[in-house]
Protein backbone atom coordinates (compact mmCIF):
# COMPACT_ATOMS: atom_id res chain seq x y z
CA MET A 1 5.15 2.54 24.01
CA CYS A 2 3.30 1.24 26.85
CA VAL A 3 -0.49 2.38 27.84
CA PHE A 4 -0.28 4.56 30.60
CA SER A 5 -2.79 4.66 33.40
CA ARG A 6 -4.69 7.60 34.79
CA ARG A 7 -2.69 8.80 37.66
CA HIS A 8 -3.14 12.58 37.99
CA SER A 9 -1.16 15.16 39.56
CA THR A 10 -1.41 16.48 43.17
CA SER A 11 1.17 19.18 42.52
CA PRO A 12 0.02 21.80 40.08
CA MET A 13 3.41 23.78 40.17
CA ARG A 14 5.23 20.64 39.58
CA SER A 15 3.15 19.63 36.75
CA VAL A 16 3.63 23.18 35.17
CA ALA A 17 7.35 23.10 35.48
CA THR A 18 7.83 19.55 34.12
CA ASN A 19 5.59 20.35 31.32
CA VAL A 20 7.77 23.24 30.11
CA VAL A 21 10.59 20.86 29.98
CA LEU A 22 8.30 18.21 28.11
CA SER A 23 7.34 20.80 25.52
CA GLY A 24 10.94 22.13 24.85
CA CYS A 25 11.98 18.44 24.23
CA VAL A 26 9.02 18.30 21.63
CA ARG A 27 10.24 21.66 20.12
CA ALA A 28 13.59 20.42 19.90
CA ALA A 29 12.51 17.25 17.88
CA ALA A 30 13.96 15.02 20.77
CA TRP A 31 10.68 13.16 20.74
CA GLN A 32 12.18 9.99 22.46
CA ALA A 33 13.41 12.08 25.36
CA ALA A 34 9.81 13.60 25.66
CA LEU A 35 8.27 10.08 25.79
CA GLU A 36 10.50 8.85 28.57
CA LEU A 37 10.14 12.07 30.54
CA PHE A 38 6.39 11.52 30.17
CA ALA A 39 6.64 7.88 31.37
CA LYS A 40 8.42 9.08 34.45
CA MET A 41 5.94 11.79 35.05
CA VAL A 42 3.15 9.14 34.98
CA GLU A 43 5.12 7.08 37.34
CA VAL A 44 5.08 9.89 40.14
CA ALA A 45 1.56 11.00 39.51
CA SER A 46 2.44 14.34 37.97
CA ALA A 47 0.98 14.13 34.47
CA ASP A 48 -2.11 16.47 33.69
CA ALA A 49 -4.10 16.64 30.51
CA VAL A 50 -1.59 19.30 29.14
CA SER A 51 1.38 16.64 29.66
CA TYR A 52 -0.67 14.07 27.95
CA SER A 53 -1.40 16.40 24.96
CA VAL A 54 2.47 17.20 24.58
CA ALA A 55 3.05 13.43 24.79
CA ILE A 56 0.60 12.87 22.02
CA SER A 57 2.46 15.61 19.99
CA ALA A 58 5.62 13.81 20.58
CA ALA A 59 3.88 10.48 19.27
CA GLU A 60 2.93 12.61 16.10
CA GLU A 61 6.62 13.32 15.59
CA ALA A 62 7.53 9.59 15.85
CA THR A 63 4.67 8.77 13.40
CA ALA A 64 3.09 6.59 16.18
CA TRP A 65 -0.42 7.40 15.66
CA GLN A 66 -1.69 4.41 17.56
CA ASP A 67 0.21 5.31 20.46
CA ALA A 68 -1.34 8.70 20.29
CA LEU A 69 -5.04 7.19 20.49
CA LEU A 70 -3.76 5.05 23.34
CA LEU A 71 -2.63 8.20 25.10
CA LEU A 72 -5.86 9.96 24.51
CA LEU A 73 -7.77 7.19 26.00
CA ALA A 74 -5.79 7.78 29.28
CA THR A 75 -5.98 11.58 29.16
CA PRO A 76 -8.02 13.22 32.15
CA ARG A 77 -10.90 15.15 30.78
CA ASP A 78 -10.53 18.56 32.23
CA ALA A 79 -10.33 22.01 30.67
CA ALA A 80 -7.04 20.95 28.85
CA ALA A 81 -8.77 18.09 27.19
CA PRO A 82 -9.24 19.72 23.78
CA LEU A 83 -5.48 20.22 23.38
CA ALA A 84 -5.07 16.48 23.73
CA PHE A 85 -7.71 15.83 21.17
CA ALA A 86 -6.31 18.43 18.74
CA ALA A 87 -3.07 16.61 19.13
CA ALA A 88 -4.38 13.28 18.35
CA ILE A 89 -6.24 14.46 15.37
CA SER A 90 -3.11 16.12 14.14
CA THR A 91 -1.22 12.96 14.69
CA VAL A 92 -4.02 10.93 12.72
CA ALA A 93 -3.63 13.57 10.05
CA ARG A 94 -0.14 13.21 9.35
CA ALA A 95 -0.44 9.04 9.35
CA GLY A 96 -1.44 9.06 5.82
CA HIS A 97 -4.31 9.84 3.65
CA ALA A 98 -6.38 6.59 4.60
CA ARG A 99 -6.71 7.86 8.15
CA TRP A 100 -8.80 10.75 7.69
CA PRO A 101 -12.12 8.99 8.86
CA TRP A 102 -10.31 8.72 12.29
CA ALA A 103 -9.95 12.51 12.58
CA LEU A 104 -13.90 12.78 11.99
CA GLU A 105 -14.32 10.06 14.35
CA LEU A 106 -12.28 11.77 17.07
CA LEU A 107 -14.27 14.82 16.53
CA ARG A 108 -17.76 13.01 17.05
CA GLN A 109 -15.96 11.42 20.16
CA MET A 110 -15.69 14.80 21.69
CA ALA A 111 -19.37 15.54 21.13
CA ARG A 112 -20.18 12.30 23.05
CA GLU A 113 -18.05 13.14 25.83
CA GLU A 114 -19.11 16.53 26.01
CA VAL A 115 -15.72 17.95 25.21
CA LEU A 116 -16.00 21.11 23.33
CA PRO A 117 -13.84 21.16 20.39
CA ASP A 118 -12.07 24.36 19.63
CA VAL A 119 -10.80 25.94 16.38
CA VAL A 120 -7.58 23.92 16.76
CA CYS A 121 -9.54 20.63 16.74
CA PHE A 122 -11.48 21.61 13.65
CA ASN A 123 -8.39 22.83 11.96
CA ALA A 124 -6.39 19.56 12.44
CA ALA A 125 -9.51 17.75 10.99
CA ILE A 126 -9.90 19.93 7.90
CA SER A 127 -6.00 19.54 7.22
CA SER A 128 -6.58 15.68 7.30
CA CYS A 129 -9.41 15.84 4.89
CA GLU A 130 -7.38 18.26 2.69
CA LYS A 131 -4.34 15.85 2.43
CA ALA A 132 -6.71 13.01 1.50
CA GLY A 133 -8.66 15.23 -1.16
CA GLN A 134 -11.99 14.89 0.93
CA TRP A 135 -12.86 18.45 -0.16
CA PRO A 136 -16.66 17.80 0.87
CA GLN A 137 -15.79 17.06 4.27
CA ALA A 138 -13.49 19.89 4.47
CA LEU A 139 -15.94 22.41 3.39
CA SER A 140 -18.61 20.79 5.87
CA LEU A 141 -16.20 21.38 8.89
CA LEU A 142 -15.44 25.01 7.66
CA ASP A 143 -19.37 25.55 7.46
CA GLU A 144 -19.63 24.50 11.02
CA LEU A 145 -16.83 26.85 11.96
CA GLY A 146 -18.74 29.52 10.31
CA ARG A 147 -21.82 28.78 12.38
CA ARG A 148 -19.81 29.28 15.47
CA ARG A 149 -18.05 32.18 14.27
CA THR A 150 -14.48 30.73 15.13
CA ALA A 151 -13.20 30.12 11.79
CA SER A 152 -9.46 31.22 11.31
CA VAL A 153 -7.15 31.90 8.46
CA VAL A 154 -5.78 28.55 8.95
CA SER A 155 -9.34 27.08 8.55
CA TYR A 156 -9.95 28.88 5.19
CA SER A 157 -6.44 28.07 3.90
CA ALA A 158 -6.87 24.60 4.51
CA ALA A 159 -10.46 24.30 2.77
CA ILE A 160 -8.95 26.20 -0.18
CA SER A 161 -6.18 23.97 -0.40
CA ALA A 162 -8.58 20.77 -0.43
CA LEU A 163 -10.71 22.27 -3.13
CA ARG A 164 -7.73 21.46 -5.72
CA SER A 165 -9.33 18.07 -6.13
CA ALA A 166 -13.03 19.43 -6.64
CA PRO A 167 -14.78 19.80 -9.67
CA SER A 168 -14.67 23.67 -10.52
CA GLY A 169 -12.11 23.96 -7.81
CA VAL A 170 -10.91 27.06 -8.86
CA GLU A 171 -14.13 28.91 -8.84
CA ARG A 172 -14.92 27.49 -5.55
CA ALA A 173 -11.52 28.33 -3.90
CA ARG A 174 -11.68 31.81 -5.42
CA VAL A 175 -15.33 32.44 -3.54
CA LEU A 176 -13.95 31.01 -0.43
CA PHE A 177 -11.06 33.49 -0.55
CA ASP A 178 -13.17 36.50 -1.24
CA ALA A 179 -15.36 35.25 1.61
CA MET A 180 -12.70 35.61 4.18
CA GLN A 181 -13.23 39.39 4.42
CA GLY A 182 -16.90 38.96 4.90
CA ALA A 183 -16.07 36.74 7.76
CA ARG A 184 -13.72 39.33 9.34
CA VAL A 185 -10.78 36.82 8.56
CA GLN A 186 -7.63 38.62 7.03
CA PRO A 187 -6.16 36.53 4.14
CA ASN A 188 -2.40 35.93 4.49
CA VAL A 189 0.34 34.18 2.42
CA VAL A 190 -0.80 30.89 3.45
CA SER A 191 -4.33 31.15 2.11
CA PHE A 192 -2.93 33.14 -1.06
CA VAL A 193 -0.65 30.29 -2.05
CA SER A 194 -3.40 27.77 -1.33
CA LEU A 195 -5.45 29.63 -3.94
CA LEU A 196 -2.69 29.66 -6.36
CA SER A 197 -2.10 26.06 -5.97
CA CYS A 198 -5.70 25.53 -7.19
CA TYR A 199 -4.74 27.28 -10.55
CA GLU A 200 -1.69 25.20 -10.84
CA THR A 201 -3.67 22.06 -10.31
CA ALA A 202 -6.08 23.01 -12.91
CA TRP A 203 -3.38 23.91 -15.36
CA ARG A 204 -4.41 27.58 -15.67
CA TRP A 205 -1.15 29.26 -15.56
CA PRO A 206 -2.28 32.26 -17.20
CA ASP A 207 -4.82 33.05 -14.50
CA ALA A 208 -2.04 31.95 -11.95
CA LEU A 209 0.08 34.77 -13.44
CA HIS A 210 -2.44 37.27 -13.59
CA LEU A 211 -3.71 36.71 -10.00
CA LEU A 212 0.02 36.93 -8.83
CA ILE A 213 1.05 40.17 -10.64
CA SER A 214 -2.37 41.90 -9.75
CA THR A 215 -1.75 41.02 -6.08
CA SER A 216 1.73 42.23 -6.05
CA SER A 217 0.57 45.53 -4.54
CA THR A 218 -0.57 43.81 -1.53
CA ARG A 219 2.62 42.74 0.26
CA ALA A 220 0.94 40.83 3.01
CA LEU A 221 -0.12 38.22 0.53
CA ILE A 222 2.95 38.06 -1.92
CA SER A 223 5.93 35.89 -1.19
CA SER A 224 8.41 33.63 -2.56
CA ALA A 225 6.23 30.73 -2.18
CA ALA A 226 3.47 32.18 -4.17
CA GLY A 227 6.14 32.97 -6.84
CA ASN A 228 7.24 29.31 -6.81
CA VAL A 229 3.52 28.02 -7.29
CA ALA A 230 3.14 30.30 -10.39
CA MET A 231 6.57 29.20 -11.72
CA SER A 232 5.40 25.63 -11.30
CA ALA A 233 2.21 26.07 -13.06
CA CYS A 234 4.15 27.51 -15.92
CA GLU A 235 6.85 24.48 -16.02
CA LYS A 236 4.21 21.97 -16.08
CA ALA A 237 2.32 23.53 -18.79
CA LEU A 238 5.71 23.61 -20.68
CA GLU A 239 5.86 27.31 -20.82
CA TRP A 240 9.42 27.38 -19.64
CA GLU A 241 9.88 31.05 -20.97
CA GLN A 242 7.01 32.37 -18.67
CA ALA A 243 8.49 30.61 -15.59
CA LEU A 244 11.78 32.14 -16.11
CA ARG A 245 10.33 35.46 -16.46
CA THR A 246 8.43 34.90 -13.20
CA PHE A 247 11.67 33.96 -11.48
CA TRP A 248 13.22 37.43 -12.70
CA TRP A 249 9.85 39.14 -11.70
CA MET A 250 10.56 37.82 -8.10
CA ILE A 251 13.70 39.34 -8.11
CA GLU A 252 12.30 42.59 -9.28
CA GLN A 253 9.82 42.53 -6.54
CA SER A 254 12.56 41.84 -3.90
CA LEU A 255 11.35 38.33 -3.37
CA GLN A 256 14.33 36.12 -2.34
CA PRO A 257 14.33 32.89 -4.44
CA ASP A 258 14.77 29.61 -2.41
CA LEU A 259 15.70 26.14 -3.21
CA ILE A 260 12.25 25.28 -4.72
CA SER A 261 12.63 28.44 -6.87
CA TYR A 262 15.70 27.44 -8.32
CA VAL A 263 14.52 23.77 -9.06
CA ALA A 264 11.62 25.17 -10.83
CA ALA A 265 13.85 27.50 -12.75
CA MET A 266 16.13 24.52 -13.64
CA SER A 267 13.38 22.36 -14.55
CA SER A 268 12.07 24.88 -16.96
CA CYS A 269 15.69 25.33 -18.43
CA GLU A 270 15.19 21.51 -19.07
CA LYS A 271 11.95 21.92 -20.73
CA GLY A 272 13.60 24.78 -23.03
CA HIS A 273 16.79 22.90 -23.70
CA GLN A 274 18.54 25.73 -22.10
CA TRP A 275 21.65 24.11 -20.49
CA GLN A 276 23.66 27.13 -20.24
CA ALA A 277 21.16 28.78 -18.39
CA ALA A 278 20.50 25.92 -16.04
CA LEU A 279 24.08 26.13 -15.16
CA SER A 280 23.87 29.64 -14.58
CA PHE A 281 21.04 29.31 -12.14
CA PHE A 282 23.38 26.55 -10.36
CA GLU A 283 26.20 29.11 -10.08
CA ARG A 284 23.82 31.76 -8.77
CA MET A 285 22.74 29.27 -5.92
CA ARG A 286 26.31 28.85 -4.99
CA LEU A 287 26.80 32.79 -4.81
CA GLU A 288 23.52 32.90 -2.79
CA SER A 289 24.85 30.26 -0.37
CA ILE A 290 21.72 28.14 -1.34
CA ARG A 291 22.74 24.40 -0.86
CA PRO A 292 21.42 22.21 -3.74
CA ASP A 293 19.66 19.16 -3.06
CA VAL A 294 19.35 15.88 -5.24
CA THR A 295 16.16 17.29 -7.01
CA CYS A 296 18.35 20.33 -8.09
CA PHE A 297 21.21 18.19 -9.29
CA ASN A 298 18.74 15.97 -11.31
CA ALA A 299 17.13 18.82 -13.04
CA ALA A 300 20.69 20.29 -14.28
CA ILE A 301 22.01 16.80 -15.20
CA SER A 302 18.69 16.13 -17.20
CA CYS A 303 19.00 19.36 -18.88
CA CYS A 304 22.71 18.79 -19.87
CA GLU A 305 21.45 15.40 -21.01
CA LYS A 306 18.87 16.87 -23.51
CA ALA A 307 21.50 19.19 -24.70
CA LEU A 308 24.19 16.29 -25.13
CA GLN A 309 26.55 17.97 -22.93
CA TRP A 310 28.04 14.65 -21.44
CA GLN A 311 31.05 16.25 -20.01
CA GLN A 312 28.97 18.69 -17.91
CA SER A 313 26.58 16.01 -16.94
CA LEU A 314 29.77 13.95 -15.59
CA GLU A 315 31.04 17.02 -13.99
CA LEU A 316 27.63 17.84 -11.97
CA LEU A 317 27.43 14.20 -11.07
CA ALA A 318 30.89 14.42 -9.58
CA ALA A 319 30.07 17.56 -7.83
CA MET A 320 27.22 15.89 -5.85
CA ALA A 321 29.76 14.26 -3.70
CA SER A 322 31.46 17.63 -2.77
CA PHE A 323 28.06 18.78 -1.57
CA ARG A 324 27.31 15.41 0.43
CA VAL A 325 24.59 14.96 -1.78
CA ALA A 326 23.79 11.31 -2.76
CA SER A 327 23.07 10.60 -6.25
CA ASP A 328 19.74 8.59 -7.08
CA SER A 329 18.81 6.61 -10.22
CA ILE A 330 17.74 9.71 -12.12
CA SER A 331 21.13 11.32 -11.65
CA LEU A 332 23.09 8.43 -12.67
CA SER A 333 20.83 7.10 -15.54
CA ALA A 334 20.60 10.98 -16.89
CA ALA A 335 24.33 10.86 -16.88
CA MET A 336 24.67 7.62 -18.60
CA SER A 337 22.25 8.52 -21.17
CA ALA A 338 24.13 12.01 -22.03
CA CYS A 339 27.17 9.86 -22.71
CA THR A 340 25.49 7.19 -24.83
CA ARG A 341 23.60 9.80 -26.78
CA SER A 342 26.93 11.72 -27.59
CA SER A 343 28.57 8.32 -28.58
CA ARG A 344 30.54 8.20 -25.56
CA TRP A 345 29.31 4.72 -24.96
CA SER A 346 32.30 3.51 -22.94
CA ALA A 347 32.01 6.41 -20.42
CA ALA A 348 28.37 5.46 -19.74
CA LEU A 349 29.33 1.71 -19.27
CA TYR A 350 32.14 2.61 -16.98
CA LEU A 351 30.15 4.85 -15.03
CA PHE A 352 27.51 1.99 -14.57
CA THR A 353 30.03 -0.63 -13.74
CA ALA A 354 32.10 1.58 -11.71
CA THR A 355 29.36 2.52 -9.44
CA LEU A 356 27.49 -0.91 -9.51
CA PRO A 357 29.19 -2.13 -6.20
CA CYS A 358 28.82 0.74 -4.19
CA ALA A 359 25.92 2.65 -5.25
CA PRO A 360 22.46 1.09 -4.85
CA CYS A 361 20.88 3.42 -7.30
CA ALA A 362 22.97 1.78 -10.08
CA ARG A 363 20.92 -1.51 -9.52
CA SER A 364 17.60 0.15 -10.58
CA ALA A 365 15.98 -0.99 -13.85
CA GLN A 366 16.28 2.58 -15.23
CA CYS A 367 20.14 2.50 -14.92
CA ALA A 368 20.42 -1.12 -16.20
CA ALA A 369 18.29 -0.05 -19.25
CA CYS A 370 20.74 2.67 -19.92
CA ALA A 371 23.64 0.42 -19.77
CA VAL A 372 21.83 -1.87 -22.16
CA ARG A 373 21.50 0.95 -24.66
CA ALA A 374 25.17 1.78 -24.52
CA ALA A 375 26.20 -1.71 -25.10
CA GLU A 376 23.81 -2.07 -27.86
CA SER A 377 25.70 1.19 -29.70
CA CYS A 378 28.79 -0.52 -29.62
CA VAL A 379 28.27 -3.94 -31.01
CA ARG A 380 31.18 -3.67 -33.36
CA ALA A 381 33.54 -2.79 -30.53
CA ALA A 382 32.43 -5.78 -28.66
CA PRO A 383 36.04 -7.10 -27.78
CA GLU A 384 36.88 -3.69 -26.24
CA MET A 385 33.75 -3.49 -24.25
CA LEU A 386 34.25 -6.95 -22.85
CA GLU A 387 37.76 -6.12 -21.77
CA MET A 388 36.62 -2.99 -20.01
CA LEU A 389 33.78 -4.81 -18.38
CA GLN A 390 36.28 -7.52 -17.09
CA VAL A 391 38.73 -4.67 -15.57
CA THR A 392 35.92 -2.76 -13.87
CA SER A 393 34.74 -6.01 -12.31
CA VAL A 394 38.00 -7.09 -10.97
CA MET A 395 38.39 -3.50 -9.55
CA ALA A 396 34.77 -3.66 -7.88
CA GLN A 397 35.71 -7.09 -6.27
CA GLN A 398 38.90 -5.65 -4.87
CA SER A 399 36.97 -2.68 -3.44
CA ALA A 400 34.34 -4.72 -1.83
CA PHE A 401 37.05 -7.26 -0.34
CA GLN A 402 38.99 -4.39 1.06
């Protein structure tokens, strides 16, 4: 992207109309079209501060944070300047954990230029600190918003989430959550999920479940996302039965499970070696018209692998193609391991050699290790193994030639 010069609009109505189109491009995820339109606006001197802020948001979608900062330098410093700064801070926040100092520096730059930061600017900076685990800075920014009496539920939610990496983070997070009422900020689903996430990170699954169930009467806070966090807390602590109970509790509470819910349920089944239950969850997803992703398939295949259900593993691996889900090294290695552990070493080796030419995941160290284990298990049948490998090698070469 080029650096745009400061040529400002002399036709406010024209700028407003074009800004609407520009914003529409960003909302439609057509960031390339948005940047091209913005470049034309600069050429005809119809770009204002709002135009620059929208262009910065487009740069955010394009993960071009350096370009966003260059656009900010060219932004006219008028009443809409805070919008541009907020967009730039948000772009920096999405650029990675190491960029959080830039977010704070942009806030300081606003003070130097006497541009008053609004709550959106502070929220973007708090979010940047939260993603980097910089909880002291996040709390400091929240305190500043408290002094200005402009903190919002977004401010508190991001600060609570940042406390996941803090010592005694659960206690600190609970204090912040309870303080929202005193600050006349109404907690919502996001802030409640942020609080539950602190319990999950601290491996305090009993407290997470107690908090979820005791809050169930407050419908404004309960959601499928909250149930998912509680399930994840139980699953990570190997409390697979509690995780599955939480899933059915969500159903009783009329909370619609989503893809994340089913992945957590099947991962719990894997921990408990409940392969039939995992497949029943998979079938339930189909009935609910929820499309499984690679993580979902991996959880189901791994569950079958641990139960030595090699045929089910292969059927799930084959089903991935019908759902247009690409297998990865986890999918393939789990299916191979299921075959090897069930003394179906020839199936494991065939699976490896047949997918090697066309599936990059088969070239992973994980899959190669599974192939080695399968080969080691069939030393006595070496001639048969060698013949099979030669046949599949010729087939793979012919396929590649075609």
